[in-house]
Protein backbone atom coordinates (compact mmCIF):
# COMPACT_ATOMS: atom_id res chain seq x y z
CA MET A 1 79.13 -16.45 22.29
CA LYS A 2 79.78 -19.08 24.98
CA LEU A 3 79.14 -22.78 24.94
CA LEU A 4 78.39 -25.34 27.66
CA VAL A 5 78.03 -29.16 27.20
CA GLN A 6 75.13 -30.11 29.37
CA SER A 7 75.03 -33.67 30.88
CA ALA A 8 71.56 -34.52 32.33
CA THR A 9 72.39 -36.98 35.11
CA ALA A 10 70.08 -39.12 37.19
CA ILE A 11 72.70 -40.17 39.73
CA LEU A 12 74.52 -36.85 40.66
CA GLU A 13 77.03 -38.51 43.03
CA GLU A 14 78.26 -41.00 40.38
CA SER A 15 78.48 -38.19 37.76
CA ILE A 16 80.70 -36.14 40.12
CA GLU A 17 82.90 -39.19 40.79
CA PHE A 18 83.21 -39.91 37.08
CA PHE A 19 84.52 -36.38 36.24
CA ASP A 20 86.67 -36.29 39.35
CA SER A 21 88.27 -39.56 38.25
CA LEU A 22 88.95 -38.16 34.83
CA GLU A 23 90.68 -35.11 36.55
CA PHE A 24 88.45 -32.53 34.95
CA GLU A 25 88.75 -29.20 36.86
CA LYS A 26 85.76 -28.62 39.18
CA LEU A 27 84.82 -24.97 38.83
CA GLN A 28 83.77 -22.83 41.67
CA THR A 29 80.29 -21.37 40.94
CA GLU A 30 77.19 -20.44 42.87
CA ASN A 31 74.42 -22.34 41.21
CA ASN A 32 75.98 -24.65 38.52
CA LEU A 33 78.04 -27.78 38.89
CA LEU A 34 80.69 -27.39 36.21
CA PHE A 35 83.70 -29.41 35.12
CA ARG A 36 86.26 -28.15 32.79
CA ASP A 37 88.83 -29.66 30.36
CA SER A 38 90.78 -27.13 28.36
CA ASN A 39 88.18 -24.61 27.14
CA TYR A 40 85.24 -26.99 27.18
CA ILE A 41 82.95 -26.98 30.18
CA VAL A 42 80.44 -29.67 31.10
CA ASP A 43 77.45 -28.59 33.08
CA ILE A 44 76.18 -31.47 35.16
CA ASN A 45 72.46 -30.96 35.50
CA PRO A 46 70.41 -33.26 37.91
CA ASN A 47 67.05 -31.58 37.03
CA ARG A 48 64.67 -34.33 35.97
CA TYR A 49 63.44 -32.13 32.99
CA SER A 50 66.96 -31.47 31.81
CA ARG A 51 68.41 -33.21 28.65
CA THR A 52 71.89 -33.84 27.52
CA GLY A 53 72.85 -31.35 24.71
CA LEU A 54 74.61 -28.09 23.94
CA LYS A 55 73.92 -24.80 25.62
CA PHE A 56 74.75 -21.68 23.64
CA TYR A 57 74.81 -18.20 25.24
CA SER A 58 74.57 -14.97 23.19
CA GLU A 59 73.59 -11.28 23.80
CA ASN A 60 70.78 -11.47 21.17
CA TRP A 61 69.04 -14.53 19.60
CA GLU A 62 66.22 -12.74 17.73
CA GLU A 63 67.67 -12.70 14.30
CA ALA A 64 69.13 -16.23 14.60
CA ILE A 65 65.87 -17.62 15.90
CA GLU A 66 63.93 -16.35 12.90
CA LYS A 67 66.44 -17.96 10.51
CA ILE A 68 66.45 -21.26 12.50
CA LYS A 69 62.64 -21.40 12.34
CA GLU A 70 62.94 -21.67 8.50
CA LEU A 71 65.04 -24.91 8.94
CA VAL A 72 63.76 -26.81 12.11
CA ASN A 73 61.22 -26.48 14.84
CA ILE A 74 62.15 -24.25 17.79
CA GLU A 75 60.44 -23.94 21.21
CA LYS A 76 60.40 -21.14 23.55
CA PHE A 77 60.63 -21.66 27.28
CA GLU A 78 60.85 -19.19 30.15
CA GLU A 79 64.63 -18.87 30.15
CA TYR A 80 65.67 -20.23 26.73
CA TYR A 81 64.89 -21.49 23.35
CA GLN A 82 65.28 -25.24 22.40
CA LEU A 83 65.61 -27.04 19.11
CA THR A 84 66.76 -30.41 17.97
CA ASP A 85 69.55 -30.67 15.45
CA PRO A 86 69.31 -33.36 12.72
CA SER A 87 71.73 -35.42 14.79
CA GLY A 88 69.05 -35.53 17.52
CA THR A 89 71.14 -33.31 19.75
CA LYS A 90 69.30 -30.67 21.81
CA TYR A 91 70.49 -27.15 21.34
CA PHE A 92 69.51 -24.71 24.16
CA LEU A 93 69.87 -20.95 23.32
CA TYR A 94 70.30 -18.88 26.51
CA PRO A 95 70.82 -15.07 26.90
CA ALA A 96 74.47 -14.18 27.75
CA SER A 97 73.38 -12.78 31.03
CA SER A 98 72.56 -16.28 32.30
CA TYR A 99 76.08 -17.70 31.51
CA PRO A 100 77.36 -18.92 34.96
CA ALA A 101 80.14 -16.97 36.70
CA TYR A 102 82.94 -19.18 37.90
CA SER A 103 86.53 -18.96 39.10
CA SER A 104 89.34 -21.05 37.63
CA ASN A 105 92.85 -21.16 39.00
CA ALA A 106 94.58 -23.15 36.18
CA GLU A 107 94.63 -24.29 32.64
CA SER A 108 92.69 -27.56 33.17
CA LYS A 109 93.81 -30.74 31.55
CA SER A 110 92.13 -34.10 32.15
CA ILE A 111 93.86 -37.51 31.87
CA LEU A 112 92.17 -38.08 28.46
CA GLY A 113 94.78 -35.99 26.71
CA ASN A 114 94.37 -33.72 23.70
CA LEU A 115 90.70 -32.54 23.53
CA MET A 116 89.84 -31.52 19.92
CA GLY A 117 86.22 -30.46 20.31
CA ILE A 118 82.66 -31.88 20.12
CA GLY A 119 81.50 -34.68 17.75
CA LEU A 120 78.08 -35.16 16.28
CA GLU A 121 76.83 -37.87 14.00
CA THR A 122 74.03 -36.44 11.73
CA ASN A 123 71.71 -37.80 9.17
CA ASP A 124 71.75 -34.44 7.43
CA ILE A 125 75.16 -33.05 7.55
CA LEU A 126 74.20 -30.00 5.29
CA LEU A 127 71.26 -29.00 7.52
CA SER A 128 73.38 -29.42 10.66
CA LYS A 129 75.92 -27.09 9.02
CA LYS A 130 73.42 -24.48 8.31
CA VAL A 131 72.02 -24.40 11.91
CA LEU A 132 75.58 -24.04 13.24
CA GLU A 133 76.36 -21.25 10.80
CA ILE A 134 73.27 -19.32 12.05
CA ILE A 135 74.47 -19.73 15.59
CA GLY A 136 77.88 -18.32 14.55
CA PHE A 137 80.10 -21.18 13.48
CA LYS A 138 82.12 -21.42 10.22
CA GLN A 139 83.44 -24.40 8.38
CA ASN A 140 87.23 -24.66 8.48
CA LYS A 141 87.97 -28.23 7.51
CA GLY A 142 86.50 -31.20 5.71
CA ASP A 143 84.00 -31.43 2.84
CA VAL A 144 80.29 -32.10 3.07
CA ASN A 145 80.58 -34.51 0.15
CA SER A 146 83.06 -36.67 1.88
CA GLY A 147 80.80 -36.92 4.96
CA TRP A 148 82.85 -34.99 7.49
CA ILE A 149 83.33 -31.32 8.24
CA ASN A 150 84.69 -29.26 11.17
CA MET A 151 82.79 -26.15 12.41
CA ASN A 152 84.78 -23.59 14.37
CA TYR A 153 83.66 -20.60 16.38
CA ASN A 154 86.25 -17.79 16.88
CA ASP A 155 89.05 -20.30 17.35
CA GLU A 156 87.44 -21.16 20.68
CA TYR A 157 85.06 -24.10 19.98
CA ASP A 158 85.05 -26.84 17.37
CA ILE A 159 82.04 -29.05 16.47
CA SER A 160 82.84 -31.92 14.19
CA LEU A 161 79.95 -33.23 11.96
CA MET A 162 80.04 -36.68 10.57
CA LYS A 163 77.37 -38.42 8.44
CA SER A 164 75.75 -41.57 9.70
CA ASN A 165 77.23 -44.89 9.09
CA MET A 166 80.82 -43.68 8.75
CA SER A 167 82.18 -45.13 12.05
CA PRO A 168 82.55 -48.82 12.67
CA HIS A 169 81.96 -48.33 16.35
CA LEU A 170 79.35 -46.81 18.74
CA PHE A 171 78.64 -43.13 18.48
CA PHE A 172 76.90 -41.01 21.09
CA ASN A 173 75.59 -37.43 20.41
CA PRO A 174 77.12 -35.23 21.66
CA SER A 175 80.62 -36.50 22.43
CA LEU A 176 83.90 -34.91 23.46
CA ILE A 177 86.67 -36.02 21.06
CA TYR A 178 90.34 -36.61 22.08
CA PHE A 179 93.17 -37.42 19.63
CA ASN A 180 96.39 -38.60 21.18
CA GLY A 181 98.40 -40.19 18.34
CA GLU A 182 100.92 -42.63 19.55
CA LYS A 183 100.36 -41.60 23.22
CA ASN A 184 96.87 -43.09 23.32
CA PRO A 185 97.85 -46.53 24.74
CA GLU A 186 99.28 -44.69 27.70
CA ILE A 187 95.98 -42.68 28.14
CA ILE A 188 94.07 -45.98 27.95
CA GLU A 189 96.25 -47.40 30.68
CA LYS A 190 95.61 -44.49 32.93
CA VAL A 191 91.86 -44.94 32.42
CA ARG A 192 92.07 -48.66 33.41
CA LYS A 193 94.25 -47.93 36.37
CA LYS A 194 91.68 -45.42 37.77
CA GLY A 195 89.02 -48.06 37.44
CA ILE A 196 86.94 -46.03 34.98
CA GLU A 197 84.28 -48.08 33.11
CA ILE A 198 85.24 -48.32 29.41
CA TYR A 199 82.04 -48.36 27.36
CA GLU A 200 83.60 -49.76 24.24
CA GLU A 201 87.04 -51.15 23.45
CA ILE A 202 87.93 -50.59 19.80
CA ARG A 203 90.22 -52.98 17.89
CA VAL A 204 88.87 -52.51 14.30
CA PHE A 205 91.59 -49.99 13.21
CA ASN A 206 94.73 -52.18 13.60
CA LYS A 207 95.71 -55.57 12.17
CA GLU A 208 97.08 -56.89 15.59
CA ASN A 209 93.51 -56.78 17.23
CA LYS A 210 94.87 -54.56 20.01
CA VAL A 211 92.68 -52.11 21.91
CA ASP A 212 94.08 -48.85 20.62
CA ASN A 213 90.89 -46.68 20.98
CA ILE A 214 88.24 -46.51 23.59
CA MET A 215 84.86 -44.91 24.21
CA LEU A 216 83.66 -43.74 27.52
CA ARG A 217 80.12 -42.43 28.55
CA ASP A 218 78.99 -40.67 31.65
CA LYS A 219 75.61 -41.11 33.45
CA GLY A 220 73.93 -38.45 31.36
CA GLY A 221 74.79 -40.15 28.04
CA LEU A 222 77.74 -37.74 27.11
CA GLY A 223 80.29 -39.64 24.98
CA PHE A 224 84.06 -39.44 25.15
CA PHE A 225 86.06 -40.60 22.04
CA VAL A 226 89.65 -41.41 23.08
CA PHE A 227 91.39 -42.04 19.82
CA ASN A 228 94.89 -42.24 18.46
CA ASP A 229 94.11 -40.06 15.36
């Protein structure tokens, strides 16, 4: 299985400028506009019917779709199936044959640092977990009762599920999550120097009222958590 993060943009030029500024690797592909950081790829989609969400690609969805139907509503379109996770995130299930072919020359690394995976805030963490398990993910960290778990696919993709009202800051579904430890102030300074708009400056986690975490957001609504832990 493969995964793309789709960002549905209304202003294509500004979206391209945003990811260029973050130094995501722009992938060479025939039909898709893709930007890559580590092994996560963002598909910039200017189609007015597109929606920000997660695109999954697999050889055969038939068995998974029958199981998902028992949990949430699922719609069939010409090229894909679509469902909405309890987090409100759109999931798009595509055949593996439609996964975009691209060429990449290097191990990409943006200025945002250590990319840990995708974050979702959900009002039903157990149901979100069940849906991802059907898709092929397995829990490898956390505890449902504590309100946070991490779902992993084949040591390639991580999706972190968090129950609502756990975070004293804004939360956008979906978001890319970066954890940089003590290097986070350096990362924040790079973002400022590049003139990238900071959506939220977060001071709540330290006693000195310093901005030690930030959140970014692209034109399609995709979030970026740039945190120190």
